[in-house]
Amino acid sequence: MPGDVSAAKKASLDQLGCGMFLLIAVVVTVLIAGRAGGFLVAQCEIAWAPCTANPP
């Protein structure tokens, strides 16, 4: 097959940009999920305290 194999193996700028965007999206998603999970745990602790008669 004719063509430049080494040029075909190199990542283009478009692929690198897409990879960076996906990396940033994953990081932001993890941060948002962690923050939401923290609030959920806090709400569960507040709701559980009266059940056990153990104020926070």
PDB file of N, CA and C in Angstrom:
ATOM      1  N   MET A   1       0.849  -1.181   0.000  1.00  0.00           N
ATOM      2  CA  MET A   1       0.000   0.000   0.000  1.00  0.00           C
ATOM      3  C   MET A   1       0.891   1.240   0.000  1.00  0.00           C
ATOM      4  N   PRO A   2       0.656   2.136  -0.896  1.00  0.00           N
ATOM      5  CA  PRO A   2       1.463   3.350  -0.934  1.00  0.00           C
ATOM      6  C   PRO A   2       1.039   4.329   0.153  1.00  0.00           C
ATOM      7  N   GLY A   3       1.979   5.152   0.589  1.00  0.00           N
ATOM      8  CA  GLY A   3       1.667   6.171   1.581  1.00  0.00           C
ATOM      9  C   GLY A   3       2.741   6.231   2.637  1.00  0.00           C
ATOM     10  N   ASP A   4       2.667   7.258   3.446  1.00  0.00           N
ATOM     11  CA  ASP A   4       3.643   7.478   4.510  1.00  0.00           C
ATOM     12  C   ASP A   4       3.084   6.901   5.812  1.00  0.00           C
ATOM     13  N   VAL A   5       3.630   5.779   6.235  1.00  0.00           N
ATOM     14  CA  VAL A   5       3.117   5.087   7.414  1.00  0.00           C
ATOM     15  C   VAL A   5       3.381   5.900   8.680  1.00  0.00           C
ATOM     16  N   SER A   6       4.554   6.517   8.782  1.00  0.00           N
ATOM     17  CA  SER A   6       4.873   7.278   9.997  1.00  0.00           C
ATOM     18  C   SER A   6       3.975   8.488  10.148  1.00  0.00           C
ATOM     19  N   ALA A   7       3.568   9.104   9.040  1.00  0.00           N
ATOM     20  CA  ALA A   7       2.654  10.242   9.119  1.00  0.00           C
ATOM     21  C   ALA A   7       1.262   9.796   9.549  1.00  0.00           C
ATOM     22  N   ALA A   8       0.883   8.600   9.150  1.00  0.00           N
ATOM     23  CA  ALA A   8      -0.440   8.090   9.515  1.00  0.00           C
ATOM     24  C   ALA A   8      -0.501   7.718  10.991  1.00  0.00           C
ATOM     25  N   LYS A   9       0.629   7.357  11.597  1.00  0.00           N
ATOM     26  CA  LYS A   9       0.648   6.956  12.994  1.00  0.00           C
ATOM     27  C   LYS A   9       0.675   8.141  13.950  1.00  0.00           C
ATOM     28  N   LYS A  10       1.054   9.321  13.482  1.00  0.00           N
ATOM     29  CA  LYS A  10       1.130  10.496  14.343  1.00  0.00           C
ATOM     30  C   LYS A  10      -0.275  11.014  14.642  1.00  0.00           C
ATOM     31  N   ALA A  11      -0.485  11.452  15.869  1.00  0.00           N
ATOM     32  CA  ALA A  11      -1.783  12.005  16.245  1.00  0.00           C
ATOM     33  C   ALA A  11      -1.908  13.416  15.688  1.00  0.00           C
ATOM     34  N   SER A  12      -3.052  13.707  15.120  1.00  0.00           N
ATOM     35  CA  SER A  12      -3.274  15.043  14.582  1.00  0.00           C
ATOM     36  C   SER A  12      -3.659  15.990  15.715  1.00  0.00           C
ATOM     37  N   LEU A  13      -3.615  17.267  15.411  1.00  0.00           N
ATOM     38  CA  LEU A  13      -3.977  18.282  16.398  1.00  0.00           C
ATOM     39  C   LEU A  13      -5.441  18.133  16.813  1.00  0.00           C
ATOM     40  N   ASP A  14      -6.271  17.716  15.875  1.00  0.00           N
ATOM     41  CA  ASP A  14      -7.689  17.504  16.174  1.00  0.00           C
ATOM     42  C   ASP A  14      -7.869  16.378  17.189  1.00  0.00           C
ATOM     43  N   GLN A  15      -7.115  15.297  17.043  1.00  0.00           N
ATOM     44  CA  GLN A  15      -7.208  14.180  17.983  1.00  0.00           C
ATOM     45  C   GLN A  15      -6.683  14.576  19.359  1.00  0.00           C
ATOM     46  N   LEU A  16      -5.622  15.341  19.402  1.00  0.00           N
ATOM     47  CA  LEU A  16      -5.079  15.792  20.686  1.00  0.00           C
ATOM     48  C   LEU A  16      -6.061  16.723  21.396  1.00  0.00           C
ATOM     49  N   GLY A  17      -6.699  17.611  20.638  1.00  0.00           N
ATOM     50  CA  GLY A  17      -7.689  18.509  21.218  1.00  0.00           C
ATOM     51  C   GLY A  17      -8.880  17.750  21.783  1.00  0.00           C
ATOM     52  N   CYS A  18      -9.319  16.751  21.046  1.00  0.00           N
ATOM     53  CA  CYS A  18     -10.439  15.932  21.513  1.00  0.00           C
ATOM     54  C   CYS A  18     -10.055  15.169  22.781  1.00  0.00           C
ATOM     55  N   GLY A  19      -8.834  14.656  22.827  1.00  0.00           N
ATOM     56  CA  GLY A  19      -8.371  13.941  24.013  1.00  0.00           C
ATOM     57  C   GLY A  19      -8.300  14.845  25.229  1.00  0.00           C
ATOM     58  N   MET A  20      -7.798  16.064  25.046  1.00  0.00           N
ATOM     59  CA  MET A  20      -7.728  17.016  26.162  1.00  0.00           C
ATOM     60  C   MET A  20      -9.131  17.390  26.645  1.00  0.00           C
ATOM     61  N   PHE A  21     -10.057  17.599  25.694  1.00  0.00           N
ATOM     62  CA  PHE A  21     -11.431  17.934  26.071  1.00  0.00           C
ATOM     63  C   PHE A  21     -12.054  16.804  26.885  1.00  0.00           C
ATOM     64  N   LEU A  22     -11.853  15.571  26.466  1.00  0.00           N
ATOM     65  CA  LEU A  22     -12.413  14.437  27.206  1.00  0.00           C
ATOM     66  C   LEU A  22     -11.784  14.306  28.591  1.00  0.00           C
ATOM     67  N   LEU A  23     -10.481  14.563  28.692  1.00  0.00           N
ATOM     68  CA  LEU A  23      -9.812  14.498  29.990  1.00  0.00           C
ATOM     69  C   LEU A  23     -10.382  15.548  30.938  1.00  0.00           C
ATOM     70  N   ILE A  24     -10.561  16.760  30.443  1.00  0.00           N
ATOM     71  CA  ILE A  24     -11.127  17.829  31.270  1.00  0.00           C
ATOM     72  C   ILE A  24     -12.563  17.490  31.664  1.00  0.00           C
ATOM     73  N   ALA A  25     -13.333  16.937  30.736  1.00  0.00           N
ATOM     74  CA  ALA A  25     -14.717  16.570  31.028  1.00  0.00           C
ATOM     75  C   ALA A  25     -14.791  15.504  32.118  1.00  0.00           C
ATOM     76  N   VAL A  26     -13.894  14.535  32.081  1.00  0.00           N
ATOM     77  CA  VAL A  26     -13.878  13.480  33.102  1.00  0.00           C
ATOM     78  C   VAL A  26     -13.508  14.066  34.460  1.00  0.00           C
ATOM     79  N   VAL A  27     -12.519  14.947  34.500  1.00  0.00           N
ATOM     80  CA  VAL A  27     -12.104  15.561  35.765  1.00  0.00           C
ATOM     81  C   VAL A  27     -13.240  16.378  36.359  1.00  0.00           C
ATOM     82  N   VAL A  28     -13.915  17.177  35.537  1.00  0.00           N
ATOM     83  CA  VAL A  28     -15.031  17.992  36.030  1.00  0.00           C
ATOM     84  C   VAL A  28     -16.172  17.101  36.518  1.00  0.00           C
ATOM     85  N   THR A  29     -16.449  16.021  35.799  1.00  0.00           N
ATOM     86  CA  THR A  29     -17.513  15.101  36.208  1.00  0.00           C
ATOM     87  C   THR A  29     -17.199  14.460  37.558  1.00  0.00           C
ATOM     88  N   VAL A  30     -15.954  14.061  37.753  1.00  0.00           N
ATOM     89  CA  VAL A  30     -15.562  13.453  39.035  1.00  0.00           C
ATOM     90  C   VAL A  30     -15.669  14.472  40.160  1.00  0.00           C
ATOM     91  N   LEU A  31     -15.249  15.708  39.921  1.00  0.00           N
ATOM     92  CA  LEU A  31     -15.349  16.740  40.962  1.00  0.00           C
ATOM     93  C   LEU A  31     -16.796  17.035  41.328  1.00  0.00           C
ATOM     94  N   ILE A  32     -17.665  17.131  40.333  1.00  0.00           N
ATOM     95  CA  ILE A  32     -19.083  17.404  40.609  1.00  0.00           C
ATOM     96  C   ILE A  32     -19.717  16.231  41.347  1.00  0.00           C
ATOM     97  N   ALA A  33     -19.404  15.011  40.936  1.00  0.00           N
ATOM     98  CA  ALA A  33     -19.963  13.834  41.604  1.00  0.00           C
ATOM     99  C   ALA A  33     -19.462  13.742  43.043  1.00  0.00           C
ATOM    100  N   GLY A  34     -18.213  14.083  43.273  1.00  0.00           N
ATOM    101  CA  GLY A  34     -17.683  14.070  44.639  1.00  0.00           C
ATOM    102  C   GLY A  34     -18.354  15.099  45.523  1.00  0.00           C
ATOM    103  N   ARG A  35     -18.574  16.295  44.980  1.00  0.00           N
ATOM    104  CA  ARG A  35     -19.244  17.338  45.759  1.00  0.00           C
ATOM    105  C   ARG A  35     -20.689  16.942  46.067  1.00  0.00           C
ATOM    106  N   ALA A  36     -21.382  16.406  45.078  1.00  0.00           N
ATOM    107  CA  ALA A  36     -22.767  15.972  45.301  1.00  0.00           C
ATOM    108  C   ALA A  36     -22.815  14.826  46.305  1.00  0.00           C
ATOM    109  N   GLY A  37     -21.865  13.909  46.230  1.00  0.00           N
ATOM    110  CA  GLY A  37     -21.814  12.807  47.194  1.00  0.00           C
ATOM    111  C   GLY A  37     -21.557  13.297  48.601  1.00  0.00           C
ATOM    112  N   GLY A  38     -20.726  14.320  48.732  1.00  0.00           N
ATOM    113  CA  GLY A  38     -20.463  14.895  50.050  1.00  0.00           C
ATOM    114  C   GLY A  38     -21.714  15.504  50.661  1.00  0.00           C
ATOM    115  N   PHE A  39     -22.480  16.215  49.849  1.00  0.00           N
ATOM    116  CA  PHE A  39     -23.726  16.784  50.345  1.00  0.00           C
ATOM    117  C   PHE A  39     -24.724  15.690  50.717  1.00  0.00           C
ATOM    118  N   LEU A  40     -24.765  14.625  49.932  1.00  0.00           N
ATOM    119  CA  LEU A  40     -25.686  13.529  50.233  1.00  0.00           C
ATOM    120  C   LEU A  40     -25.317  12.860  51.553  1.00  0.00           C
ATOM    121  N   VAL A  41     -24.041  12.651  51.793  1.00  0.00           N
ATOM    122  CA  VAL A  41     -23.603  12.049  53.053  1.00  0.00           C
ATOM    123  C   VAL A  41     -23.943  12.960  54.224  1.00  0.00           C
ATOM    124  N   ALA A  42     -23.742  14.260  54.058  1.00  0.00           N
ATOM    125  CA  ALA A  42     -24.073  15.202  55.132  1.00  0.00           C
ATOM    126  C   ALA A  42     -25.569  15.180  55.438  1.00  0.00           C
ATOM    127  N   GLN A  43     -26.392  15.137  54.415  1.00  0.00           N
ATOM    128  CA  GLN A  43     -27.835  15.087  54.636  1.00  0.00           C
ATOM    129  C   GLN A  43     -28.236  13.784  55.333  1.00  0.00           C
ATOM    130  N   CYS A  44     -27.601  12.692  54.968  1.00  0.00           N
ATOM    131  CA  CYS A  44     -27.906  11.418  55.624  1.00  0.00           C
ATOM    132  C   CYS A  44     -27.495  11.447  57.095  1.00  0.00           C
ATOM    133  N   GLU A  45     -26.366  12.063  57.392  1.00  0.00           N
ATOM    134  CA  GLU A  45     -25.930  12.173  58.790  1.00  0.00           C
ATOM    135  C   GLU A  45     -26.892  13.037  59.587  1.00  0.00           C
ATOM    136  N   ILE A  46     -27.355  14.139  58.997  1.00  0.00           N
ATOM    137  CA  ILE A  46     -28.313  15.011  59.686  1.00  0.00           C
ATOM    138  C   ILE A  46     -29.632  14.283  59.917  1.00  0.00           C
ATOM    139  N   ALA A  47     -30.076  13.511  58.934  1.00  0.00           N
ATOM    140  CA  ALA A  47     -31.337  12.780  59.074  1.00  0.00           C
ATOM    141  C   ALA A  47     -31.207  11.611  60.043  1.00  0.00           C
ATOM    142  N   TRP A  48     -30.039  11.012  60.150  1.00  0.00           N
ATOM    143  CA  TRP A  48     -29.840   9.847  61.010  1.00  0.00           C
ATOM    144  C   TRP A  48     -29.700  10.233  62.469  1.00  0.00           C
ATOM    145  N   ALA A  49     -29.228  11.453  62.743  1.00  0.00           N
ATOM    146  CA  ALA A  49     -28.981  11.881  64.125  1.00  0.00           C
ATOM    147  C   ALA A  49     -30.239  11.800  64.999  1.00  0.00           C
ATOM    148  N   PRO A  50     -31.405  12.282  64.573  1.00  0.00           N
ATOM    149  CA  PRO A  50     -32.588  12.142  65.434  1.00  0.00           C
ATOM    150  C   PRO A  50     -33.024  10.684  65.622  1.00  0.00           C
ATOM    151  N   CYS A  51     -32.743   9.865  64.648  1.00  0.00           N
ATOM    152  CA  CYS A  51     -33.141   8.451  64.771  1.00  0.00           C
ATOM    153  C   CYS A  51     -32.357   7.766  65.879  1.00  0.00           C
ATOM    154  N   THR A  52     -31.130   8.153  66.076  1.00  0.00           N
ATOM    155  CA  THR A  52     -30.293   7.517  67.070  1.00  0.00           C
ATOM    156  C   THR A  52     -30.199   8.339  68.359  1.00  0.00           C
ATOM    157  N   ALA A  53     -30.897   9.458  68.393  1.00  0.00           N
ATOM    158  CA  ALA A  53     -30.855  10.380  69.549  1.00  0.00           C
ATOM    159  C   ALA A  53     -29.411  10.782  69.847  1.00  0.00           C
ATOM    160  N   ASN A  54     -28.684  11.046  68.799  1.00  0.00           N
ATOM    161  CA  ASN A  54     -27.269  11.389  68.902  1.00  0.00           C
ATOM    162  C   ASN A  54     -27.036  12.686  68.112  1.00  0.00           C
ATOM    163  N   PRO A  55     -27.117  13.839  68.715  1.00  0.00           N
ATOM    164  CA  PRO A  55     -26.973  15.081  67.944  1.00  0.00           C
ATOM    165  C   PRO A  55     -25.559  15.231  67.389  1.00  0.00           C
ATOM    166  N   PRO A  56     -25.462  15.834  66.184  1.00  0.00           N
ATOM    167  CA  PRO A  56     -24.134  15.966  65.562  1.00  0.00           C
ATOM    168  C   PRO A  56     -23.243  16.971  66.266  1.00  0.00           C
TER     169      PRO A  56
END
